[in-house]
PDB file of N, CA and C in Angstrom:
ATOM      1  N   MET A   1      22.642 -14.454 -24.767  1.00  0.00           N
ATOM      2  CA  MET A   1      22.367 -13.083 -24.344  1.00  0.00           C
ATOM      3  C   MET A   1      23.066 -12.852 -23.004  1.00  0.00           C
ATOM      4  N   GLY A   2      24.036 -11.964 -22.927  1.00  0.00           N
ATOM      5  CA  GLY A   2      24.769 -11.709 -21.701  1.00  0.00           C
ATOM      6  C   GLY A   2      25.139 -10.258 -21.573  1.00  0.00           C
ATOM      7  N   LYS A   3      24.278  -9.379 -22.046  1.00  0.00           N
ATOM      8  CA  LYS A   3      24.571  -7.960 -22.023  1.00  0.00           C
ATOM      9  C   LYS A   3      23.380  -7.213 -21.429  1.00  0.00           C
ATOM     10  N   TYR A   4      23.657  -6.234 -20.595  1.00  0.00           N
ATOM     11  CA  TYR A   4      22.610  -5.448 -19.937  1.00  0.00           C
ATOM     12  C   TYR A   4      21.658  -4.848 -20.970  1.00  0.00           C
ATOM     13  N   SER A   5      20.366  -4.936 -20.704  1.00  0.00           N
ATOM     14  CA  SER A   5      19.370  -4.270 -21.539  1.00  0.00           C
ATOM     15  C   SER A   5      18.129  -3.965 -20.700  1.00  0.00           C
ATOM     16  N   VAL A   6      17.312  -3.072 -21.197  1.00  0.00           N
ATOM     17  CA  VAL A   6      16.106  -2.628 -20.497  1.00  0.00           C
ATOM     18  C   VAL A   6      14.895  -2.970 -21.348  1.00  0.00           C
ATOM     19  N   HIS A   7      13.850  -3.487 -20.717  1.00  0.00           N
ATOM     20  CA  HIS A   7      12.580  -3.740 -21.396  1.00  0.00           C
ATOM     21  C   HIS A   7      11.762  -2.459 -21.314  1.00  0.00           C
ATOM     22  N   GLU A   8      11.521  -1.835 -22.433  1.00  0.00           N
ATOM     23  CA  GLU A   8      10.725  -0.615 -22.491  1.00  0.00           C
ATOM     24  C   GLU A   8       9.255  -1.007 -22.593  1.00  0.00           C
ATOM     25  N   CYS A   9       8.477  -0.725 -21.560  1.00  0.00           N
ATOM     26  CA  CYS A   9       7.068  -1.084 -21.513  1.00  0.00           C
ATOM     27  C   CYS A   9       6.265   0.166 -21.207  1.00  0.00           C
ATOM     28  N   ARG A  10       5.365   0.506 -22.074  1.00  0.00           N
ATOM     29  CA  ARG A  10       4.581   1.736 -21.856  1.00  0.00           C
ATOM     30  C   ARG A  10       3.571   1.582 -20.733  1.00  0.00           C
ATOM     31  N   ASN A  11       3.339   0.351 -20.254  1.00  0.00           N
ATOM     32  CA  ASN A  11       2.382   0.114 -19.184  1.00  0.00           C
ATOM     33  C   ASN A  11       2.985   0.187 -17.787  1.00  0.00           C
ATOM     34  N   GLN A  12       4.312   0.128 -17.674  1.00  0.00           N
ATOM     35  CA  GLN A  12       4.913   0.087 -16.343  1.00  0.00           C
ATOM     36  C   GLN A  12       4.924   1.470 -15.698  1.00  0.00           C
ATOM     37  N   PRO A  13       4.684   1.513 -14.385  1.00  0.00           N
ATOM     38  CA  PRO A  13       4.666   2.782 -13.650  1.00  0.00           C
ATOM     39  C   PRO A  13       6.059   3.416 -13.556  1.00  0.00           C
ATOM     40  N   VAL A  14       6.098   4.698 -13.301  1.00  0.00           N
ATOM     41  CA  VAL A  14       7.350   5.422 -13.093  1.00  0.00           C
ATOM     42  C   VAL A  14       8.019   4.876 -11.829  1.00  0.00           C
ATOM     43  N   GLY A  15       9.322   4.726 -11.863  1.00  0.00           N
ATOM     44  CA  GLY A  15      10.057   4.265 -10.697  1.00  0.00           C
ATOM     45  C   GLY A  15      10.232   2.761 -10.624  1.00  0.00           C
ATOM     46  N   ILE A  16       9.701   2.038 -11.599  1.00  0.00           N
ATOM     47  CA  ILE A  16       9.865   0.588 -11.655  1.00  0.00           C
ATOM     48  C   ILE A  16      10.643   0.268 -12.916  1.00  0.00           C
ATOM     49  N   ARG A  17      11.668  -0.586 -12.767  1.00  0.00           N
ATOM     50  CA  ARG A  17      12.501  -0.950 -13.906  1.00  0.00           C
ATOM     51  C   ARG A  17      12.361  -2.433 -14.205  1.00  0.00           C
ATOM     52  N   VAL A  18      12.315  -2.775 -15.480  1.00  0.00           N
ATOM     53  CA  VAL A  18      12.397  -4.161 -15.933  1.00  0.00           C
ATOM     54  C   VAL A  18      13.651  -4.228 -16.796  1.00  0.00           C
ATOM     55  N   GLU A  19      14.634  -5.028 -16.350  1.00  0.00           N
ATOM     56  CA  GLU A  19      15.919  -5.033 -17.023  1.00  0.00           C
ATOM     57  C   GLU A  19      16.564  -6.411 -17.014  1.00  0.00           C
ATOM     58  N   PHE A  20      17.412  -6.641 -17.995  1.00  0.00           N
ATOM     59  CA  PHE A  20      18.238  -7.839 -18.082  1.00  0.00           C
ATOM     60  C   PHE A  20      19.570  -7.448 -17.482  1.00  0.00           C
ATOM     61  N   SER A  21      19.863  -7.978 -16.300  1.00  0.00           N
ATOM     62  CA  SER A  21      21.031  -7.525 -15.557  1.00  0.00           C
ATOM     63  C   SER A  21      21.650  -8.694 -14.798  1.00  0.00           C
ATOM     64  N   ARG A  22      22.818  -8.438 -14.232  1.00  0.00           N
ATOM     65  CA  ARG A  22      23.505  -9.473 -13.472  1.00  0.00           C
ATOM     66  C   ARG A  22      22.718  -9.810 -12.209  1.00  0.00           C
ATOM     67  N   ASP A  23      22.526 -11.096 -11.995  1.00  0.00           N
ATOM     68  CA  ASP A  23      21.810 -11.635 -10.846  1.00  0.00           C
ATOM     69  C   ASP A  23      22.617 -11.413  -9.564  1.00  0.00           C
ATOM     70  N   THR A  24      21.951 -11.095  -8.483  1.00  0.00           N
ATOM     71  CA  THR A  24      22.607 -10.840  -7.206  1.00  0.00           C
ATOM     72  C   THR A  24      23.222 -12.096  -6.600  1.00  0.00           C
ATOM     73  N   PHE A  25      22.631 -13.248  -6.851  1.00  0.00           N
ATOM     74  CA  PHE A  25      23.069 -14.481  -6.205  1.00  0.00           C
ATOM     75  C   PHE A  25      24.075 -15.283  -7.012  1.00  0.00           C
ATOM     76  N   GLN A  26      23.792 -15.507  -8.286  1.00  0.00           N
ATOM     77  CA  GLN A  26      24.608 -16.406  -9.105  1.00  0.00           C
ATOM     78  C   GLN A  26      25.567 -15.688 -10.053  1.00  0.00           C
ATOM     79  N   GLU A  27      25.494 -14.384 -10.114  1.00  0.00           N
ATOM     80  CA  GLU A  27      26.330 -13.590 -11.021  1.00  0.00           C
ATOM     81  C   GLU A  27      26.042 -13.879 -12.490  1.00  0.00           C
ATOM     82  N   GLU A  28      24.890 -14.472 -12.787  1.00  0.00           N
ATOM     83  CA  GLU A  28      24.467 -14.689 -14.168  1.00  0.00           C
ATOM     84  C   GLU A  28      23.489 -13.593 -14.546  1.00  0.00           C
ATOM     85  N   PHE A  29      23.303 -13.368 -15.832  1.00  0.00           N
ATOM     86  CA  PHE A  29      22.326 -12.390 -16.278  1.00  0.00           C
ATOM     87  C   PHE A  29      20.931 -13.008 -16.242  1.00  0.00           C
ATOM     88  N   THR A  30      19.971 -12.274 -15.677  1.00  0.00           N
ATOM     89  CA  THR A  30      18.570 -12.691 -15.645  1.00  0.00           C
ATOM     90  C   THR A  30      17.688 -11.470 -15.851  1.00  0.00           C
ATOM     91  N   TRP A  31      16.436 -11.702 -16.230  1.00  0.00           N
ATOM     92  CA  TRP A  31      15.465 -10.614 -16.290  1.00  0.00           C
ATOM     93  C   TRP A  31      14.972 -10.345 -14.884  1.00  0.00           C
ATOM     94  N   GLN A  32      14.900  -9.063 -14.512  1.00  0.00           N
ATOM     95  CA  GLN A  32      14.532  -8.665 -13.162  1.00  0.00           C
ATOM     96  C   GLN A  32      13.605  -7.461 -13.197  1.00  0.00           C
ATOM     97  N   VAL A  33      12.752  -7.383 -12.191  1.00  0.00           N
ATOM     98  CA  VAL A  33      11.951  -6.185 -11.987  1.00  0.00           C
ATOM     99  C   VAL A  33      12.447  -5.567 -10.679  1.00  0.00           C
ATOM    100  N   THR A  34      12.623  -4.252 -10.669  1.00  0.00           N
ATOM    101  CA  THR A  34      13.102  -3.544  -9.485  1.00  0.00           C
ATOM    102  C   THR A  34      12.065  -2.522  -9.051  1.00  0.00           C
ATOM    103  N   PHE A  35      11.662  -2.630  -7.782  1.00  0.00           N
ATOM    104  CA  PHE A  35      10.758  -1.670  -7.154  1.00  0.00           C
ATOM    105  C   PHE A  35      11.576  -0.906  -6.122  1.00  0.00           C
ATOM    106  N   SER A  36      11.486   0.419  -6.111  1.00  0.00           N
ATOM    107  CA  SER A  36      12.240   1.216  -5.147  1.00  0.00           C
ATOM    108  C   SER A  36      11.322   2.188  -4.419  1.00  0.00           C
ATOM    109  N   ARG A  37      11.646   2.470  -3.164  1.00  0.00           N
ATOM    110  CA  ARG A  37      10.898   3.446  -2.359  1.00  0.00           C
ATOM    111  C   ARG A  37      11.832   4.589  -2.044  1.00  0.00           C
ATOM    112  N   GLU A  38      11.441   5.795  -2.458  1.00  0.00           N
ATOM    113  CA  GLU A  38      12.273   6.972  -2.231  1.00  0.00           C
ATOM    114  C   GLU A  38      11.786   7.742  -1.013  1.00  0.00           C
ATOM    115  N   ALA A  39      12.711   8.375  -0.320  1.00  0.00           N
ATOM    116  CA  ALA A  39      12.418   9.111   0.909  1.00  0.00           C
ATOM    117  C   ALA A  39      11.606  10.374   0.637  1.00  0.00           C
ATOM    118  N   THR A  40      10.665  10.624   1.535  1.00  0.00           N
ATOM    119  CA  THR A  40       9.881  11.859   1.518  1.00  0.00           C
ATOM    120  C   THR A  40      10.371  12.756   2.652  1.00  0.00           C
ATOM    121  N   GLU A  41       9.831  13.949   2.738  1.00  0.00           N
ATOM    122  CA  GLU A  41      10.176  14.869   3.825  1.00  0.00           C
ATOM    123  C   GLU A  41       9.874  14.235   5.186  1.00  0.00           C
ATOM    124  N   LYS A  42       8.744  13.556   5.281  1.00  0.00           N
ATOM    125  CA  LYS A  42       8.360  12.898   6.534  1.00  0.00           C
ATOM    126  C   LYS A  42       9.351  11.796   6.900  1.00  0.00           C
ATOM    127  N   ASP A  43       9.831  11.054   5.903  1.00  0.00           N
ATOM    128  CA  ASP A  43      10.822  10.011   6.155  1.00  0.00           C
ATOM    129  C   ASP A  43      12.104  10.598   6.732  1.00  0.00           C
ATOM    130  N   LEU A  44      12.498  11.773   6.247  1.00  0.00           N
ATOM    131  CA  LEU A  44      13.713  12.429   6.754  1.00  0.00           C
ATOM    132  C   LEU A  44      13.564  12.788   8.230  1.00  0.00           C
ATOM    133  N   GLU A  45      12.363  13.188   8.622  1.00  0.00           N
ATOM    134  CA  GLU A  45      12.104  13.538  10.021  1.00  0.00           C
ATOM    135  C   GLU A  45      12.188  12.315  10.929  1.00  0.00           C
ATOM    136  N   ASN A  46      11.855  11.145  10.397  1.00  0.00           N
ATOM    137  CA  ASN A  46      11.793   9.930  11.213  1.00  0.00           C
ATOM    138  C   ASN A  46      13.054   9.081  11.168  1.00  0.00           C
ATOM    139  N   ASN A  47      13.996   9.383  10.288  1.00  0.00           N
ATOM    140  CA  ASN A  47      15.193   8.571  10.150  1.00  0.00           C
ATOM    141  C   ASN A  47      16.395   9.483   9.932  1.00  0.00           C
ATOM    142  N   HIS A  48      17.243   9.608  10.932  1.00  0.00           N
ATOM    143  CA  HIS A  48      18.383  10.524  10.842  1.00  0.00           C
ATOM    144  C   HIS A  48      19.500  10.032   9.932  1.00  0.00           C
ATOM    145  N   TYR A  49      19.422   8.804   9.423  1.00  0.00           N
ATOM    146  CA  TYR A  49      20.413   8.309   8.467  1.00  0.00           C
ATOM    147  C   TYR A  49      20.120   8.802   7.052  1.00  0.00           C
ATOM    148  N   LEU A  50      18.886   9.171   6.784  1.00  0.00           N
ATOM    149  CA  LEU A  50      18.523   9.678   5.459  1.00  0.00           C
ATOM    150  C   LEU A  50      18.963  11.126   5.338  1.00  0.00           C
ATOM    151  N   GLU A  51      19.469  11.511   4.176  1.00  0.00           N
ATOM    152  CA  GLU A  51      20.020  12.844   4.009  1.00  0.00           C
ATOM    153  C   GLU A  51      19.193  13.761   3.124  1.00  0.00           C
ATOM    154  N   GLU A  52      18.451  13.209   2.151  1.00  0.00           N
ATOM    155  CA  GLU A  52      17.706  14.071   1.245  1.00  0.00           C
ATOM    156  C   GLU A  52      16.471  13.386   0.676  1.00  0.00           C
ATOM    157  N   VAL A  53      15.497  14.190   0.315  1.00  0.00           N
ATOM    158  CA  VAL A  53      14.288  13.697  -0.320  1.00  0.00           C
ATOM    159  C   VAL A  53      14.680  13.045  -1.651  1.00  0.00           C
ATOM    160  N   GLY A  54      14.103  11.894  -1.945  1.00  0.00           N
ATOM    161  CA  GLY A  54      14.423  11.182  -3.176  1.00  0.00           C
ATOM    162  C   GLY A  54      15.470  10.106  -3.001  1.00  0.00           C
ATOM    163  N   GLU A  55      16.139  10.089  -1.847  1.00  0.00           N
ATOM    164  CA  GLU A  55      17.129   9.048  -1.563  1.00  0.00           C
ATOM    165  C   GLU A  55      16.412   7.697  -1.480  1.00  0.00           C
ATOM    166  N   VAL A  56      17.007   6.650  -2.018  1.00  0.00           N
ATOM    167  CA  VAL A  56      16.382   5.328  -2.006  1.00  0.00           C
ATOM    168  C   VAL A  56      16.381   4.772  -0.582  1.00  0.00           C
ATOM    169  N   MET A  57      15.174   4.453  -0.084  1.00  0.00           N
ATOM    170  CA  MET A  57      15.031   3.880   1.255  1.00  0.00           C
ATOM    171  C   MET A  57      15.152   2.373   1.225  1.00  0.00           C
ATOM    172  N   TRP A  58      14.628   1.756   0.199  1.00  0.00           N
ATOM    173  CA  TRP A  58      14.741   0.314  -0.002  1.00  0.00           C
ATOM    174  C   TRP A  58      14.443  -0.006  -1.449  1.00  0.00           C
ATOM    175  N   SER A  59      14.916  -1.140  -1.901  1.00  0.00           N
ATOM    176  CA  SER A  59      14.569  -1.608  -3.241  1.00  0.00           C
ATOM    177  C   SER A  59      14.451  -3.124  -3.208  1.00  0.00           C
ATOM    178  N   LEU A  60      13.510  -3.618  -3.968  1.00  0.00           N
ATOM    179  CA  LEU A  60      13.271  -5.052  -4.092  1.00  0.00           C
ATOM    180  C   LEU A  60      13.563  -5.442  -5.525  1.00  0.00           C
ATOM    181  N   VAL A  61      14.441  -6.426  -5.704  1.00  0.00           N
ATOM    182  CA  VAL A  61      14.789  -6.923  -7.026  1.00  0.00           C
ATOM    183  C   VAL A  61      14.338  -8.374  -7.092  1.00  0.00           C
ATOM    184  N   ALA A  62      13.508  -8.691  -8.091  1.00  0.00           N
ATOM    185  CA  ALA A  62      13.005 -10.053  -8.248  1.00  0.00           C
ATOM    186  C   ALA A  62      13.203 -10.525  -9.679  1.00  0.00           C
ATOM    187  N   GLU A  63      13.658 -11.769  -9.823  1.00  0.00           N
ATOM    188  CA  GLU A  63      13.803 -12.363 -11.148  1.00  0.00           C
ATOM    189  C   GLU A  63      12.411 -12.640 -11.722  1.00  0.00           C
ATOM    190  N   ILE A  64      12.270 -12.400 -13.015  1.00  0.00           N
ATOM    191  CA  ILE A  64      10.982 -12.613 -13.669  1.00  0.00           C
ATOM    192  C   ILE A  64      11.183 -13.336 -14.995  1.00  0.00           C
ATOM    193  N   THR A  65      10.119 -13.916 -15.510  1.00  0.00           N
ATOM    194  CA  THR A  65      10.157 -14.552 -16.823  1.00  0.00           C
ATOM    195  C   THR A  65       9.364 -13.749 -17.846  1.00  0.00           C
ATOM    196  N   HIS A  66       8.379 -12.982 -17.364  1.00  0.00           N
ATOM    197  CA  HIS A  66       7.505 -12.178 -18.218  1.00  0.00           C
ATOM    198  C   HIS A  66       7.400 -10.775 -17.622  1.00  0.00           C
ATOM    199  N   CYS A  67       7.163  -9.788 -18.453  1.00  0.00           N
ATOM    200  CA  CYS A  67       6.928  -8.431 -17.960  1.00  0.00           C
ATOM    201  C   CYS A  67       5.605  -8.437 -17.187  1.00  0.00           C
ATOM    202  N   PRO A  68       5.599  -7.950 -15.945  1.00  0.00           N
ATOM    203  CA  PRO A  68       4.367  -7.952 -15.165  1.00  0.00           C
ATOM    204  C   PRO A  68       3.345  -6.913 -15.647  1.00  0.00           C
ATOM    205  N   TYR A  69       3.730  -6.044 -16.577  1.00  0.00           N
ATOM    206  CA  TYR A  69       2.844  -4.969 -17.020  1.00  0.00           C
ATOM    207  C   TYR A  69       2.267  -5.174 -18.415  1.00  0.00           C
ATOM    208  N   CYS A  70       2.976  -5.908 -19.277  1.00  0.00           N
ATOM    209  CA  CYS A  70       2.447  -6.169 -20.620  1.00  0.00           C
ATOM    210  C   CYS A  70       2.357  -7.653 -20.944  1.00  0.00           C
ATOM    211  N   GLY A  71       2.978  -8.508 -20.115  1.00  0.00           N
ATOM    212  CA  GLY A  71       2.901  -9.948 -20.295  1.00  0.00           C
ATOM    213  C   GLY A  71       3.905 -10.535 -21.275  1.00  0.00           C
ATOM    214  N   LYS A  72       4.756  -9.712 -21.869  1.00  0.00           N
ATOM    215  CA  LYS A  72       5.721 -10.214 -22.853  1.00  0.00           C
ATOM    216  C   LYS A  72       6.661 -11.236 -22.220  1.00  0.00           C
ATOM    217  N   ASN A  73       6.869 -12.370 -22.914  1.00  0.00           N
ATOM    218  CA  ASN A  73       7.823 -13.389 -22.480  1.00  0.00           C
ATOM    219  C   ASN A  73       9.229 -12.839 -22.713  1.00  0.00           C
ATOM    220  N   LEU A  74      10.014 -12.729 -21.654  1.00  0.00           N
ATOM    221  CA  LEU A  74      11.348 -12.148 -21.738  1.00  0.00           C
ATOM    222  C   LEU A  74      12.460 -13.199 -21.730  1.00  0.00           C
ATOM    223  N   MET A  75      12.146 -14.417 -21.353  1.00  0.00           N
ATOM    224  CA  MET A  75      13.175 -15.400 -21.047  1.00  0.00           C
ATOM    225  C   MET A  75      13.849 -16.061 -22.240  1.00  0.00           C
ATOM    226  N   GLU A  76      13.206 -16.252 -23.355  1.00  0.00           N
ATOM    227  CA  GLU A  76      13.753 -17.021 -24.467  1.00  0.00           C
ATOM    228  C   GLU A  76      14.131 -18.413 -23.957  1.00  0.00           C
ATOM    229  N   SER A  77      15.405 -18.771 -23.884  1.00  0.00           N
ATOM    230  CA  SER A  77      15.786 -20.108 -23.431  1.00  0.00           C
ATOM    231  C   SER A  77      16.591 -20.087 -22.134  1.00  0.00           C
ATOM    232  N   LEU A  78      16.612 -18.959 -21.447  1.00  0.00           N
ATOM    233  CA  LEU A  78      17.412 -18.838 -20.231  1.00  0.00           C
ATOM    234  C   LEU A  78      16.700 -19.432 -19.021  1.00  0.00           C
ATOM    235  N   ASN A  79      17.484 -19.878 -18.046  1.00  0.00           N
ATOM    236  CA  ASN A  79      16.930 -20.371 -16.790  1.00  0.00           C
ATOM    237  C   ASN A  79      16.688 -19.198 -15.850  1.00  0.00           C
ATOM    238  N   ASN A  80      15.709 -19.374 -14.975  1.00  0.00           N
ATOM    239  CA  ASN A  80      15.386 -18.348 -13.993  1.00  0.00           C
ATOM    240  C   ASN A  80      14.947 -19.068 -12.735  1.00  0.00           C
ATOM    241  N   ASN A  81      15.553 -18.746 -11.613  1.00  0.00           N
ATOM    242  CA  ASN A  81      15.254 -19.424 -10.358  1.00  0.00           C
ATOM    243  C   ASN A  81      14.191 -18.716  -9.538  1.00  0.00           C
ATOM    244  N   GLY A  82      13.707 -17.563  -9.979  1.00  0.00           N
ATOM    245  CA  GLY A  82      12.681 -16.839  -9.238  1.00  0.00           C
ATOM    246  C   GLY A  82      13.179 -16.249  -7.932  1.00  0.00           C
ATOM    247  N   GLU A  83      14.477 -16.023  -7.824  1.00  0.00           N
ATOM    248  CA  GLU A  83      15.044 -15.478  -6.595  1.00  0.00           C
ATOM    249  C   GLU A  83      14.725 -13.991  -6.472  1.00  0.00           C
ATOM    250  N   PHE A  84      14.779 -13.482  -5.245  1.00  0.00           N
ATOM    251  CA  PHE A  84      14.571 -12.057  -5.015  1.00  0.00           C
ATOM    252  C   PHE A  84      15.414 -11.611  -3.828  1.00  0.00           C
ATOM    253  N   VAL A  85      15.651 -10.306  -3.752  1.00  0.00           N
ATOM    254  CA  VAL A  85      16.425  -9.747  -2.652  1.00  0.00           C
ATOM    255  C   VAL A  85      15.881  -8.359  -2.333  1.00  0.00           C
ATOM    256  N   LEU A  86      15.883  -8.023  -1.051  1.00  0.00           N
ATOM    257  CA  LEU A  86      15.452  -6.706  -0.585  1.00  0.00           C
ATOM    258  C   LEU A  86      16.668  -5.980  -0.042  1.00  0.00           C
ATOM    259  N   PHE A  87      16.961  -4.811  -0.597  1.00  0.00           N
ATOM    260  CA  PHE A  87      18.061  -3.971  -0.131  1.00  0.00           C
ATOM    261  C   PHE A  87      17.474  -2.859   0.726  1.00  0.00           C
ATOM    262  N   ASP A  88      18.011  -2.700   1.938  1.00  0.00           N
ATOM    263  CA  ASP A  88      17.529  -1.670   2.852  1.00  0.00           C
ATOM    264  C   ASP A  88      18.692  -0.751   3.235  1.00  0.00           C
ATOM    265  N   PRO A  89      18.903   0.329   2.471  1.00  0.00           N
ATOM    266  CA  PRO A  89      20.005   1.248   2.772  1.00  0.00           C
ATOM    267  C   PRO A  89      19.587   2.405   3.694  1.00  0.00           C
ATOM    268  N   SER A  90      18.468   2.274   4.408  1.00  0.00           N
ATOM    269  CA  SER A  90      17.944   3.385   5.198  1.00  0.00           C
ATOM    270  C   SER A  90      18.686   3.609   6.504  1.00  0.00           C
ATOM    271  N   GLY A  91      19.592   2.719   6.869  1.00  0.00           N
ATOM    272  CA  GLY A  91      20.369   2.902   8.100  1.00  0.00           C
ATOM    273  C   GLY A  91      21.794   3.301   7.783  1.00  0.00           C
ATOM    274  N   TRP A  92      22.674   3.069   8.741  1.00  0.00           N
ATOM    275  CA  TRP A  92      24.060   3.442   8.588  1.00  0.00           C
ATOM    276  C   TRP A  92      24.730   2.634   7.491  1.00  0.00           C
ATOM    277  N   SER A  93      24.317   1.365   7.309  1.00  0.00           N
ATOM    278  CA  SER A  93      24.848   0.529   6.239  1.00  0.00           C
ATOM    279  C   SER A  93      23.684  -0.164   5.540  1.00  0.00           C
ATOM    280  N   THR A  94      23.937  -0.732   4.383  1.00  0.00           N
ATOM    281  CA  THR A  94      22.891  -1.414   3.619  1.00  0.00           C
ATOM    282  C   THR A  94      22.713  -2.831   4.120  1.00  0.00           C
ATOM    283  N   ASN A  95      21.475  -3.179   4.430  1.00  0.00           N
ATOM    284  CA  ASN A  95      21.133  -4.563   4.793  1.00  0.00           C
ATOM    285  C   ASN A  95      20.572  -5.254   3.580  1.00  0.00           C
ATOM    286  N   VAL A  96      21.007  -6.474   3.328  1.00  0.00           N
ATOM    287  CA  VAL A  96      20.459  -7.286   2.260  1.00  0.00           C
ATOM    288  C   VAL A  96      19.615  -8.346   2.930  1.00  0.00           C
ATOM    289  N   LEU A  97      18.313  -8.268   2.697  1.00  0.00           N
ATOM    290  CA  LEU A  97      17.374  -9.163   3.369  1.00  0.00           C
ATOM    291  C   LEU A  97      16.870 -10.231   2.446  1.00  0.00           C
TER     292      LEU A  97
END
């Protein structure tokens, strides 16, 4: 399995993605959950780098083996290192933490 796909889960909240995608560290495909925080009007007032409501302020991508919302095993026979990365594009440039 080496092709992008999305796990459709009726239990997952809006704004959270569970997908089989290229890993940030090893360039291999892994199952990942992505959490993102979008800017509000108040965020725009406090950060002059943000331009519009709904702009992504940060996102956390973590490798997973099972869907955190329905429990389905997603891994089959693939390896997963449990790595994660936090992207913070709220400033002039994106920081990878």
